[in-house]
Amino acid sequence: MARQREFDRDEALNKALEVFWQKGYAATSTTDLLEAMQIGRQSLYDTFGDKRSLYLEALQRYNQASVNDLLRHLKGGSPLAAIDNMLQAFACRPRRDNARGCMGVNAISEFGTADEDVNALRDASARLLNHAVEAQLRGAAAAGEIAADTDIAHATAFVAATLSGMKVSAKAGASIATLRAIASFAVQGLRG
């Protein structure tokens, strides 16, 4: 019996993530994954389960990294400046990343709300980011940066929708200047 080749699980998962990010779930074949990950079919099944399990793990890893990056930029200056900083940081991502769009938004576009596991991953990421944005918006209202009677839930949804729109615009080829202008316009809108 031939011995299975050893490989770095995290590296293989990152390679699978790249394929799914580029092609989506349905358009990615097992052969695509095996070639990218440089592992055998049995190693894929023994380590990750099936294609769907691998996709869900890759999507979870992507979502976690993406949200952590946004949260890292949700700092600096006043609460409203922190929101602006987060949106501007997204606007300035490398063109290569923008061309692929957001794997999370790509998953929403591919699955809609039909897949409960994808929905659960999306909802967990959204809760984490929205909670942090909501805290900044409450701080902005308390500091007089936005109207004290601002509906914070609606304002949080507005920031989330702005970010999603920026992600789709980036994938459609919007320039960094255009994305930065969208971010600035959104923050101006919050000021009222």
N, C-alpha and C. Protein backbone atom coordinates (compact mmCIF):
# COMPACT_ATOMS: atom_id res chain seq x y z
N MET A 1 0.84 -1.18 0.00
CA MET A 1 0.00 0.00 0.00
C MET A 1 0.89 1.25 0.00
N ALA A 2 0.60 2.15 -0.90
CA ALA A 2 1.40 3.38 -1.01
C ALA A 2 1.09 4.31 0.15
N ARG A 3 2.12 4.95 0.66
CA ARG A 3 1.96 5.89 1.76
C ARG A 3 1.46 7.23 1.21
N GLN A 4 0.47 7.80 1.90
CA GLN A 4 -0.07 9.09 1.49
C GLN A 4 0.99 10.17 1.68
N ARG A 5 1.09 11.07 0.71
CA ARG A 5 2.03 12.17 0.79
C ARG A 5 1.57 13.14 1.87
N GLU A 6 2.49 13.58 2.69
CA GLU A 6 2.15 14.54 3.72
C GLU A 6 2.10 15.94 3.12
N PHE A 7 1.26 16.78 3.67
CA PHE A 7 1.13 18.16 3.19
C PHE A 7 0.69 19.04 4.33
N ASP A 8 0.86 20.34 4.14
CA ASP A 8 0.46 21.33 5.14
C ASP A 8 -1.03 21.61 4.94
N ARG A 9 -1.83 21.25 5.93
CA ARG A 9 -3.29 21.39 5.82
C ARG A 9 -3.70 22.84 5.59
N ASP A 10 -3.11 23.77 6.36
CA ASP A 10 -3.47 25.19 6.21
C ASP A 10 -3.13 25.71 4.83
N GLU A 11 -1.98 25.33 4.33
CA GLU A 11 -1.57 25.77 2.99
C GLU A 11 -2.52 25.21 1.94
N ALA A 12 -2.90 23.95 2.08
CA ALA A 12 -3.83 23.34 1.13
C ALA A 12 -5.20 24.03 1.20
N LEU A 13 -5.64 24.34 2.41
CA LEU A 13 -6.92 25.04 2.57
C LEU A 13 -6.86 26.42 1.93
N ASN A 14 -5.76 27.13 2.12
CA ASN A 14 -5.62 28.45 1.50
C ASN A 14 -5.65 28.36 -0.02
N LYS A 15 -5.06 27.33 -0.57
CA LYS A 15 -5.08 27.14 -2.03
C LYS A 15 -6.49 26.84 -2.52
N ALA A 16 -7.22 26.03 -1.76
CA ALA A 16 -8.62 25.75 -2.11
C ALA A 16 -9.45 27.03 -2.03
N LEU A 17 -9.21 27.83 -0.99
CA LEU A 17 -9.91 29.09 -0.83
C LEU A 17 -9.73 29.97 -2.07
N GLU A 18 -8.50 30.04 -2.56
CA GLU A 18 -8.21 30.85 -3.74
C GLU A 18 -9.02 30.38 -4.95
N VAL A 19 -9.12 29.07 -5.12
CA VAL A 19 -9.88 28.52 -6.26
C VAL A 19 -11.36 28.85 -6.12
N PHE A 20 -11.92 28.59 -4.93
CA PHE A 20 -13.34 28.89 -4.70
C PHE A 20 -13.61 30.39 -4.84
N TRP A 21 -12.70 31.22 -4.37
CA TRP A 21 -12.87 32.68 -4.46
C TRP A 21 -12.90 33.10 -5.92
N GLN A 22 -12.06 32.51 -6.71
CA GLN A 22 -11.98 32.87 -8.13
C GLN A 22 -13.16 32.33 -8.93
N LYS A 23 -13.56 31.08 -8.69
CA LYS A 23 -14.51 30.39 -9.55
C LYS A 23 -15.90 30.20 -8.95
N GLY A 24 -16.01 30.30 -7.64
CA GLY A 24 -17.28 29.98 -7.00
C GLY A 24 -17.36 28.50 -6.70
N TYR A 25 -18.42 28.09 -6.05
CA TYR A 25 -18.57 26.70 -5.66
C TYR A 25 -18.90 25.80 -6.86
N ALA A 26 -19.97 26.13 -7.57
CA ALA A 26 -20.45 25.24 -8.63
C ALA A 26 -19.44 25.08 -9.75
N ALA A 27 -18.73 26.14 -10.10
CA ALA A 27 -17.80 26.09 -11.24
C ALA A 27 -16.46 25.46 -10.88
N THR A 28 -16.24 25.19 -9.61
CA THR A 28 -14.99 24.57 -9.18
C THR A 28 -15.16 23.05 -9.19
N SER A 29 -14.29 22.38 -9.92
CA SER A 29 -14.34 20.92 -9.95
C SER A 29 -13.38 20.35 -8.91
N THR A 30 -13.57 19.11 -8.58
CA THR A 30 -12.65 18.44 -7.67
C THR A 30 -11.25 18.43 -8.27
N THR A 31 -11.16 18.26 -9.59
CA THR A 31 -9.86 18.28 -10.27
C THR A 31 -9.18 19.64 -10.09
N ASP A 32 -9.96 20.73 -10.21
CA ASP A 32 -9.40 22.08 -9.97
C ASP A 32 -8.77 22.15 -8.58
N LEU A 33 -9.48 21.62 -7.61
CA LEU A 33 -9.01 21.67 -6.23
C LEU A 33 -7.76 20.83 -6.03
N LEU A 34 -7.77 19.62 -6.56
CA LEU A 34 -6.63 18.73 -6.41
C LEU A 34 -5.37 19.33 -7.04
N GLU A 35 -5.54 19.94 -8.21
CA GLU A 35 -4.38 20.56 -8.88
C GLU A 35 -3.86 21.75 -8.08
N ALA A 36 -4.76 22.57 -7.59
CA ALA A 36 -4.34 23.75 -6.83
C ALA A 36 -3.72 23.37 -5.50
N MET A 37 -4.32 22.42 -4.83
CA MET A 37 -3.87 22.02 -3.50
C MET A 37 -2.66 21.10 -3.56
N GLN A 38 -2.43 20.51 -4.73
CA GLN A 38 -1.33 19.58 -4.94
C GLN A 38 -1.39 18.40 -3.98
N ILE A 39 -2.60 17.83 -3.90
CA ILE A 39 -2.81 16.64 -3.09
C ILE A 39 -3.61 15.63 -3.90
N GLY A 40 -3.64 14.41 -3.43
CA GLY A 40 -4.43 13.37 -4.08
C GLY A 40 -5.87 13.40 -3.64
N ARG A 41 -6.70 12.74 -4.42
CA ARG A 41 -8.15 12.70 -4.16
C ARG A 41 -8.43 12.13 -2.76
N GLN A 42 -7.76 11.04 -2.42
CA GLN A 42 -8.02 10.42 -1.12
C GLN A 42 -7.59 11.34 0.02
N SER A 43 -6.50 12.06 -0.17
CA SER A 43 -6.05 13.01 0.86
C SER A 43 -7.09 14.10 1.06
N LEU A 44 -7.68 14.56 -0.03
CA LEU A 44 -8.72 15.59 0.08
C LEU A 44 -9.87 15.05 0.92
N TYR A 45 -10.35 13.86 0.57
CA TYR A 45 -11.50 13.30 1.29
C TYR A 45 -11.16 12.96 2.74
N ASP A 46 -9.96 12.41 2.97
CA ASP A 46 -9.57 12.05 4.33
C ASP A 46 -9.38 13.28 5.22
N THR A 47 -8.89 14.37 4.63
CA THR A 47 -8.55 15.56 5.42
C THR A 47 -9.70 16.55 5.53
N PHE A 48 -10.42 16.75 4.44
CA PHE A 48 -11.44 17.81 4.41
C PHE A 48 -12.87 17.30 4.25
N GLY A 49 -13.03 16.02 3.99
CA GLY A 49 -14.36 15.51 3.69
C GLY A 49 -14.63 15.69 2.21
N ASP A 50 -15.80 16.12 1.86
CA ASP A 50 -16.15 16.30 0.45
C ASP A 50 -15.94 17.76 0.02
N LYS A 51 -16.23 18.02 -1.25
CA LYS A 51 -16.05 19.36 -1.81
C LYS A 51 -16.85 20.40 -1.02
N ARG A 52 -18.06 20.07 -0.65
CA ARG A 52 -18.91 21.01 0.10
C ARG A 52 -18.30 21.36 1.45
N SER A 53 -17.82 20.36 2.17
CA SER A 53 -17.19 20.61 3.47
C SER A 53 -15.96 21.48 3.32
N LEU A 54 -15.19 21.22 2.28
CA LEU A 54 -14.01 22.04 2.01
C LEU A 54 -14.41 23.48 1.70
N TYR A 55 -15.45 23.64 0.89
CA TYR A 55 -15.93 24.98 0.56
C TYR A 55 -16.36 25.74 1.81
N LEU A 56 -17.14 25.09 2.65
CA LEU A 56 -17.62 25.75 3.86
C LEU A 56 -16.47 26.16 4.78
N GLU A 57 -15.46 25.29 4.89
CA GLU A 57 -14.30 25.64 5.72
C GLU A 57 -13.53 26.81 5.10
N ALA A 58 -13.39 26.79 3.78
CA ALA A 58 -12.70 27.89 3.09
C ALA A 58 -13.47 29.20 3.25
N LEU A 59 -14.80 29.13 3.10
CA LEU A 59 -15.63 30.33 3.25
C LEU A 59 -15.55 30.87 4.67
N GLN A 60 -15.56 29.98 5.65
CA GLN A 60 -15.44 30.42 7.04
C GLN A 60 -14.09 31.11 7.26
N ARG A 61 -13.03 30.54 6.72
CA ARG A 61 -11.70 31.14 6.87
C ARG A 61 -11.67 32.52 6.19
N TYR A 62 -12.23 32.60 4.99
CA TYR A 62 -12.25 33.88 4.27
C TYR A 62 -13.03 34.92 5.08
N ASN A 63 -14.23 34.55 5.51
CA ASN A 63 -15.08 35.49 6.25
C ASN A 63 -14.38 35.99 7.50
N GLN A 64 -13.75 35.08 8.22
CA GLN A 64 -13.07 35.47 9.45
C GLN A 64 -11.94 36.45 9.16
N ALA A 65 -11.14 36.16 8.15
CA ALA A 65 -10.03 37.05 7.80
C ALA A 65 -10.54 38.40 7.32
N SER A 66 -11.59 38.38 6.51
CA SER A 66 -12.16 39.61 5.96
C SER A 66 -12.72 40.50 7.06
N VAL A 67 -13.50 39.92 7.96
CA VAL A 67 -14.08 40.70 9.05
C VAL A 67 -12.98 41.21 9.98
N ASN A 68 -12.00 40.36 10.28
CA ASN A 68 -10.91 40.81 11.14
C ASN A 68 -10.16 41.98 10.52
N ASP A 69 -9.97 41.95 9.20
CA ASP A 69 -9.30 43.06 8.53
C ASP A 69 -10.14 44.34 8.64
N LEU A 70 -11.44 44.23 8.42
CA LEU A 70 -12.31 45.40 8.54
C LEU A 70 -12.30 45.94 9.97
N LEU A 71 -12.36 45.03 10.94
CA LEU A 71 -12.35 45.46 12.34
C LEU A 71 -11.03 46.14 12.70
N ARG A 72 -9.95 45.66 12.13
CA ARG A 72 -8.64 46.26 12.39
C ARG A 72 -8.62 47.72 11.93
N HIS A 73 -9.35 48.01 10.86
CA HIS A 73 -9.40 49.38 10.33
C HIS A 73 -10.51 50.22 10.96
N LEU A 74 -11.35 49.61 11.76
CA LEU A 74 -12.45 50.33 12.40
C LEU A 74 -11.95 50.99 13.67
N LYS A 75 -10.90 51.77 13.51
CA LYS A 75 -10.25 52.45 14.63
C LYS A 75 -9.72 53.79 14.15
N GLY A 76 -9.36 54.58 15.07
CA GLY A 76 -8.68 55.83 14.73
C GLY A 76 -9.57 57.03 14.81
N GLY A 77 -9.14 58.00 15.60
CA GLY A 77 -9.87 59.25 15.70
C GLY A 77 -11.23 59.07 16.34
N SER A 78 -12.16 59.83 15.84
CA SER A 78 -13.52 59.81 16.38
C SER A 78 -14.26 58.56 15.87
N PRO A 79 -15.44 58.26 16.45
CA PRO A 79 -16.20 57.11 15.99
C PRO A 79 -16.54 57.16 14.49
N LEU A 80 -16.95 58.34 14.01
CA LEU A 80 -17.28 58.44 12.59
C LEU A 80 -16.02 58.34 11.73
N ALA A 81 -14.92 58.86 12.22
CA ALA A 81 -13.65 58.72 11.50
C ALA A 81 -13.25 57.25 11.41
N ALA A 82 -13.56 56.47 12.43
CA ALA A 82 -13.25 55.04 12.41
C ALA A 82 -14.04 54.33 11.32
N ILE A 83 -15.31 54.68 11.16
CA ILE A 83 -16.13 54.09 10.10
C ILE A 83 -15.58 54.50 8.74
N ASP A 84 -15.23 55.77 8.61
CA ASP A 84 -14.62 56.24 7.36
C ASP A 84 -13.32 55.49 7.08
N ASN A 85 -12.50 55.31 8.10
CA ASN A 85 -11.24 54.60 7.95
C ASN A 85 -11.47 53.18 7.44
N MET A 86 -12.46 52.49 7.99
CA MET A 86 -12.77 51.12 7.56
C MET A 86 -13.19 51.09 6.09
N LEU A 87 -14.09 51.99 5.71
CA LEU A 87 -14.57 52.02 4.33
C LEU A 87 -13.44 52.41 3.36
N GLN A 88 -12.63 53.37 3.76
CA GLN A 88 -11.52 53.81 2.91
C GLN A 88 -10.47 52.69 2.77
N ALA A 89 -10.23 51.96 3.84
CA ALA A 89 -9.27 50.85 3.78
C ALA A 89 -9.75 49.80 2.79
N PHE A 90 -11.05 49.52 2.81
CA PHE A 90 -11.58 48.57 1.83
C PHE A 90 -11.39 49.12 0.42
N ALA A 91 -11.68 50.40 0.23
CA ALA A 91 -11.57 51.02 -1.10
C ALA A 91 -10.16 50.91 -1.67
N CYS A 92 -9.18 50.87 -0.82
CA CYS A 92 -7.77 50.88 -1.26
C CYS A 92 -7.16 49.48 -1.34
N ARG A 93 -7.97 48.45 -1.29
CA ARG A 93 -7.43 47.08 -1.41
C ARG A 93 -6.72 46.90 -2.75
N PRO A 94 -5.86 45.91 -2.82
CA PRO A 94 -5.17 45.66 -4.10
C PRO A 94 -6.16 45.32 -5.22
N ARG A 95 -5.87 45.78 -6.41
CA ARG A 95 -6.74 45.55 -7.56
C ARG A 95 -7.02 44.07 -7.77
N ARG A 96 -6.02 43.23 -7.50
CA ARG A 96 -6.18 41.78 -7.67
C ARG A 96 -7.32 41.26 -6.80
N ASP A 97 -7.39 41.72 -5.56
CA ASP A 97 -8.48 41.30 -4.67
C ASP A 97 -9.81 41.86 -5.13
N ASN A 98 -9.82 43.10 -5.55
CA ASN A 98 -11.06 43.72 -6.01
C ASN A 98 -11.64 43.00 -7.22
N ALA A 99 -10.79 42.54 -8.13
CA ALA A 99 -11.26 41.87 -9.34
C ALA A 99 -11.99 40.57 -9.01
N ARG A 100 -11.61 39.93 -7.91
CA ARG A 100 -12.29 38.69 -7.51
C ARG A 100 -13.52 38.97 -6.67
N GLY A 101 -13.66 40.20 -6.24
CA GLY A 101 -14.79 40.54 -5.39
C GLY A 101 -14.59 40.00 -3.99
N CYS A 102 -15.66 39.91 -3.27
CA CYS A 102 -15.66 39.38 -1.91
C CYS A 102 -16.21 37.96 -1.97
N MET A 103 -15.48 37.01 -1.44
CA MET A 103 -15.94 35.63 -1.48
C MET A 103 -17.29 35.47 -0.77
N GLY A 104 -17.50 36.25 0.30
CA GLY A 104 -18.78 36.21 1.00
C GLY A 104 -19.93 36.71 0.14
N VAL A 105 -19.73 37.83 -0.54
CA VAL A 105 -20.76 38.36 -1.44
C VAL A 105 -20.94 37.41 -2.63
N ASN A 106 -19.83 36.84 -3.12
CA ASN A 106 -19.93 35.87 -4.20
C ASN A 106 -20.79 34.68 -3.77
N ALA A 107 -20.63 34.24 -2.52
CA ALA A 107 -21.44 33.12 -2.01
C ALA A 107 -22.91 33.50 -1.94
N ILE A 108 -23.20 34.72 -1.51
CA ILE A 108 -24.59 35.19 -1.46
C ILE A 108 -25.17 35.20 -2.87
N SER A 109 -24.39 35.68 -3.83
CA SER A 109 -24.85 35.74 -5.22
C SER A 109 -25.09 34.34 -5.78
N GLU A 110 -24.25 33.40 -5.39
CA GLU A 110 -24.38 32.03 -5.91
C GLU A 110 -25.50 31.25 -5.23
N PHE A 111 -25.63 31.38 -3.91
CA PHE A 111 -26.58 30.55 -3.17
C PHE A 111 -27.85 31.28 -2.74
N GLY A 112 -27.82 32.62 -2.73
CA GLY A 112 -28.96 33.35 -2.19
C GLY A 112 -29.13 32.98 -0.73
N THR A 113 -30.34 32.62 -0.35
CA THR A 113 -30.60 32.18 1.02
C THR A 113 -30.94 30.68 1.06
N ALA A 114 -30.65 29.97 -0.02
CA ALA A 114 -31.06 28.57 -0.15
C ALA A 114 -30.22 27.59 0.66
N ASP A 115 -29.01 27.99 1.07
CA ASP A 115 -28.12 27.07 1.77
C ASP A 115 -27.96 27.51 3.23
N GLU A 116 -28.48 26.71 4.14
CA GLU A 116 -28.48 27.08 5.56
C GLU A 116 -27.07 27.21 6.13
N ASP A 117 -26.14 26.37 5.67
CA ASP A 117 -24.77 26.44 6.19
C ASP A 117 -24.08 27.73 5.73
N VAL A 118 -24.28 28.09 4.48
CA VAL A 118 -23.72 29.34 3.97
C VAL A 118 -24.37 30.52 4.69
N ASN A 119 -25.68 30.45 4.90
CA ASN A 119 -26.38 31.51 5.64
C ASN A 119 -25.82 31.67 7.04
N ALA A 120 -25.55 30.57 7.72
CA ALA A 120 -25.04 30.62 9.08
C ALA A 120 -23.66 31.30 9.12
N LEU A 121 -22.81 30.98 8.15
CA LEU A 121 -21.49 31.62 8.09
C LEU A 121 -21.63 33.12 7.81
N ARG A 122 -22.50 33.46 6.87
CA ARG A 122 -22.75 34.87 6.55
C ARG A 122 -23.29 35.62 7.75
N ASP A 123 -24.25 35.03 8.42
CA ASP A 123 -24.87 35.70 9.56
C ASP A 123 -23.89 35.91 10.71
N ALA A 124 -23.04 34.93 10.96
CA ALA A 124 -22.06 35.06 12.04
C ALA A 124 -21.09 36.20 11.75
N SER A 125 -20.63 36.29 10.52
CA SER A 125 -19.71 37.37 10.14
C SER A 125 -20.41 38.73 10.22
N ALA A 126 -21.63 38.78 9.71
CA ALA A 126 -22.38 40.04 9.73
C ALA A 126 -22.64 40.51 11.15
N ARG A 127 -22.98 39.59 12.04
CA ARG A 127 -23.23 39.97 13.44
C ARG A 127 -21.99 40.60 14.06
N LEU A 128 -20.85 39.99 13.84
CA LEU A 128 -19.60 40.48 14.42
C LEU A 128 -19.27 41.88 13.90
N LEU A 129 -19.32 42.06 12.60
CA LEU A 129 -19.01 43.37 12.02
C LEU A 129 -20.07 44.40 12.39
N ASN A 130 -21.34 44.03 12.28
CA ASN A 130 -22.41 44.99 12.59
C ASN A 130 -22.38 45.43 14.05
N HIS A 131 -22.04 44.53 14.95
CA HIS A 131 -21.93 44.89 16.36
C HIS A 131 -20.88 45.98 16.56
N ALA A 132 -19.73 45.81 15.90
CA ALA A 132 -18.65 46.80 16.03
C ALA A 132 -19.03 48.14 15.38
N VAL A 133 -19.66 48.09 14.23
CA VAL A 133 -20.10 49.31 13.55
C VAL A 133 -21.16 50.02 14.40
N GLU A 134 -22.09 49.24 14.94
CA GLU A 134 -23.14 49.81 15.78
C GLU A 134 -22.55 50.54 16.99
N ALA A 135 -21.53 49.95 17.59
CA ALA A 135 -20.88 50.59 18.75
C ALA A 135 -20.26 51.93 18.33
N GLN A 136 -19.63 51.97 17.16
CA GLN A 136 -19.05 53.22 16.68
C GLN A 136 -20.15 54.25 16.40
N LEU A 137 -21.26 53.81 15.83
CA LEU A 137 -22.36 54.74 15.54
C LEU A 137 -22.98 55.28 16.82
N ARG A 138 -23.09 54.45 17.83
CA ARG A 138 -23.59 54.94 19.13
C ARG A 138 -22.64 55.99 19.69
N GLY A 139 -21.35 55.72 19.55
CA GLY A 139 -20.34 56.70 19.98
C GLY A 139 -20.43 57.98 19.18
N ALA A 140 -20.69 57.86 17.88
CA ALA A 140 -20.82 59.05 17.02
C ALA A 140 -22.04 59.88 17.42
N ALA A 141 -23.13 59.21 17.78
CA ALA A 141 -24.33 59.93 18.23
C ALA A 141 -24.06 60.62 19.56
N ALA A 142 -23.39 59.93 20.47
CA ALA A 142 -23.08 60.52 21.78
C ALA A 142 -22.13 61.70 21.66
N ALA A 143 -21.23 61.65 20.65
CA ALA A 143 -20.25 62.72 20.46
C ALA A 143 -20.79 63.86 19.60
N GLY A 144 -22.01 63.74 19.11
CA GLY A 144 -22.60 64.78 18.28
C GLY A 144 -22.12 64.76 16.84
N GLU A 145 -21.47 63.68 16.42
CA GLU A 145 -21.02 63.58 15.02
C GLU A 145 -22.17 63.26 14.08
N ILE A 146 -23.16 62.57 14.61
CA ILE A 146 -24.40 62.32 13.88
C ILE A 146 -25.55 62.72 14.80
N ALA A 147 -26.72 62.87 14.25
CA ALA A 147 -27.87 63.31 15.05
C ALA A 147 -28.12 62.34 16.20
N ALA A 148 -28.43 62.89 17.35
CA ALA A 148 -28.66 62.08 18.55
C ALA A 148 -29.83 61.12 18.37
N ASP A 149 -30.80 61.49 17.53
CA ASP A 149 -31.97 60.64 17.33
C ASP A 149 -31.82 59.70 16.13
N THR A 150 -30.60 59.53 15.62
CA THR A 150 -30.36 58.62 14.50
C THR A 150 -30.79 57.21 14.89
N ASP A 151 -31.50 56.55 14.00
CA ASP A 151 -31.87 55.15 14.21
C ASP A 151 -30.60 54.33 13.97
N ILE A 152 -29.98 53.87 15.04
CA ILE A 152 -28.68 53.20 14.96
C ILE A 152 -28.78 51.89 14.17
N ALA A 153 -29.86 51.16 14.33
CA ALA A 153 -30.02 49.91 13.57
C ALA A 153 -30.06 50.19 12.08
N HIS A 154 -30.81 51.23 11.68
CA HIS A 154 -30.88 51.58 10.26
C HIS A 154 -29.54 52.11 9.75
N ALA A 155 -28.87 52.89 10.56
CA ALA A 155 -27.55 53.41 10.17
C ALA A 155 -26.54 52.27 10.01
N THR A 156 -26.60 51.28 10.89
CA THR A 156 -25.73 50.11 10.78
C THR A 156 -26.01 49.35 9.49
N ALA A 157 -27.29 49.18 9.18
CA ALA A 157 -27.67 48.51 7.93
C ALA A 157 -27.19 49.31 6.72
N PHE A 158 -27.22 50.63 6.82
CA PHE A 158 -26.74 51.50 5.74
C PHE A 158 -25.24 51.29 5.51
N VAL A 159 -24.47 51.24 6.58
CA VAL A 159 -23.03 51.02 6.45
C VAL A 159 -22.77 49.64 5.84
N ALA A 160 -23.50 48.62 6.29
CA ALA A 160 -23.34 47.27 5.73
C ALA A 160 -23.69 47.24 4.24
N ALA A 161 -24.78 47.91 3.87
CA ALA A 161 -25.18 47.95 2.46
C ALA A 161 -24.17 48.73 1.62
N THR A 162 -23.62 49.80 2.19
CA THR A 162 -22.59 50.56 1.49
C THR A 162 -21.38 49.68 1.23
N LEU A 163 -20.95 48.96 2.24
CA LEU A 163 -19.78 48.08 2.10
C LEU A 163 -20.06 46.99 1.06
N SER A 164 -21.24 46.39 1.11
CA SER A 164 -21.59 45.37 0.10
C SER A 164 -21.60 45.96 -1.30
N GLY A 165 -22.16 47.14 -1.44
CA GLY A 165 -22.17 47.81 -2.74
C GLY A 165 -20.78 48.12 -3.23
N MET A 166 -19.91 48.51 -2.32
CA MET A 166 -18.52 48.77 -2.69
C MET A 166 -17.84 47.48 -3.16
N LYS A 167 -18.16 46.37 -2.52
CA LYS A 167 -17.57 45.08 -2.91
C LYS A 167 -18.00 44.69 -4.32
N VAL A 168 -19.26 44.88 -4.63
CA VAL A 168 -19.76 44.55 -5.97
C VAL A 168 -19.17 45.53 -6.98
N SER A 169 -19.12 46.81 -6.65
CA SER A 169 -18.54 47.81 -7.55
C SER A 169 -17.07 47.51 -7.82
N ALA A 170 -16.34 47.08 -6.78
CA ALA A 170 -14.93 46.75 -6.95
C ALA A 170 -14.78 45.59 -7.93
N LYS A 171 -15.61 44.57 -7.78
CA LYS A 171 -15.54 43.42 -8.69
C LYS A 171 -15.89 43.83 -10.12
N ALA A 172 -16.77 44.82 -10.25
CA ALA A 172 -17.17 45.30 -11.57
C ALA A 172 -16.13 46.23 -12.20
N GLY A 173 -15.05 46.50 -11.46
CA GLY A 173 -13.97 47.28 -12.03
C GLY A 173 -13.89 48.73 -11.59
N ALA A 174 -14.67 49.11 -10.59
CA ALA A 174 -14.60 50.50 -10.12
C ALA A 174 -13.18 50.83 -9.68
N SER A 175 -12.76 52.04 -9.97
CA SER A 175 -11.42 52.48 -9.59
C SER A 175 -11.36 52.74 -8.09
N ILE A 176 -10.15 52.80 -7.58
CA ILE A 176 -9.96 53.14 -6.16
C ILE A 176 -10.56 54.52 -5.89
N ALA A 177 -10.38 55.45 -6.81
CA ALA A 177 -10.94 56.80 -6.62
C ALA A 177 -12.46 56.75 -6.49
N THR A 178 -13.10 55.93 -7.31
CA THR A 178 -14.56 55.81 -7.23
C THR A 178 -14.98 55.18 -5.92
N LEU A 179 -14.28 54.12 -5.50
CA LEU A 179 -14.61 53.46 -4.24
C LEU A 179 -14.40 54.40 -3.06
N ARG A 180 -13.34 55.18 -3.10
CA ARG A 180 -13.09 56.15 -2.03
C ARG A 180 -14.20 57.21 -1.99
N ALA A 181 -14.66 57.62 -3.17
CA ALA A 181 -15.74 58.61 -3.22
C ALA A 181 -17.03 58.04 -2.64
N ILE A 182 -17.32 56.78 -2.93
CA ILE A 182 -18.51 56.14 -2.36
C ILE A 182 -18.41 56.13 -0.84
N ALA A 183 -17.25 55.76 -0.32
CA ALA A 183 -17.04 55.73 1.14
C ALA A 183 -17.24 57.12 1.75
N SER A 184 -16.65 58.12 1.12
CA SER A 184 -16.78 59.50 1.64
C SER A 184 -18.23 59.96 1.61
N PHE A 185 -18.92 59.66 0.52
CA PHE A 185 -20.32 60.08 0.38
C PHE A 185 -21.18 59.41 1.46
N ALA A 186 -20.91 58.15 1.74
CA ALA A 186 -21.66 57.43 2.78
C ALA A 186 -21.45 58.08 4.15
N VAL A 187 -20.22 58.41 4.46
CA VAL A 187 -19.94 59.04 5.76
C VAL A 187 -20.58 60.41 5.84
N GLN A 188 -20.56 61.16 4.74
CA GLN A 188 -21.25 62.46 4.72
C GLN A 188 -22.75 62.26 4.96
N GLY A 189 -23.30 61.21 4.37
CA GLY A 189 -24.72 60.90 4.55
C GLY A 189 -25.06 60.60 6.01
N LEU A 190 -24.15 59.95 6.69
CA LEU A 190 -24.37 59.67 8.12
C LEU A 190 -24.40 60.94 8.95
N ARG A 191 -23.60 61.92 8.54
CA ARG A 191 -23.56 63.20 9.27
C ARG A 191 -24.89 63.94 9.13
N GLY A 192 -25.57 63.67 8.02
CA GLY A 192 -26.88 64.28 7.81
C GLY A 192 -26.84 65.61 7.25
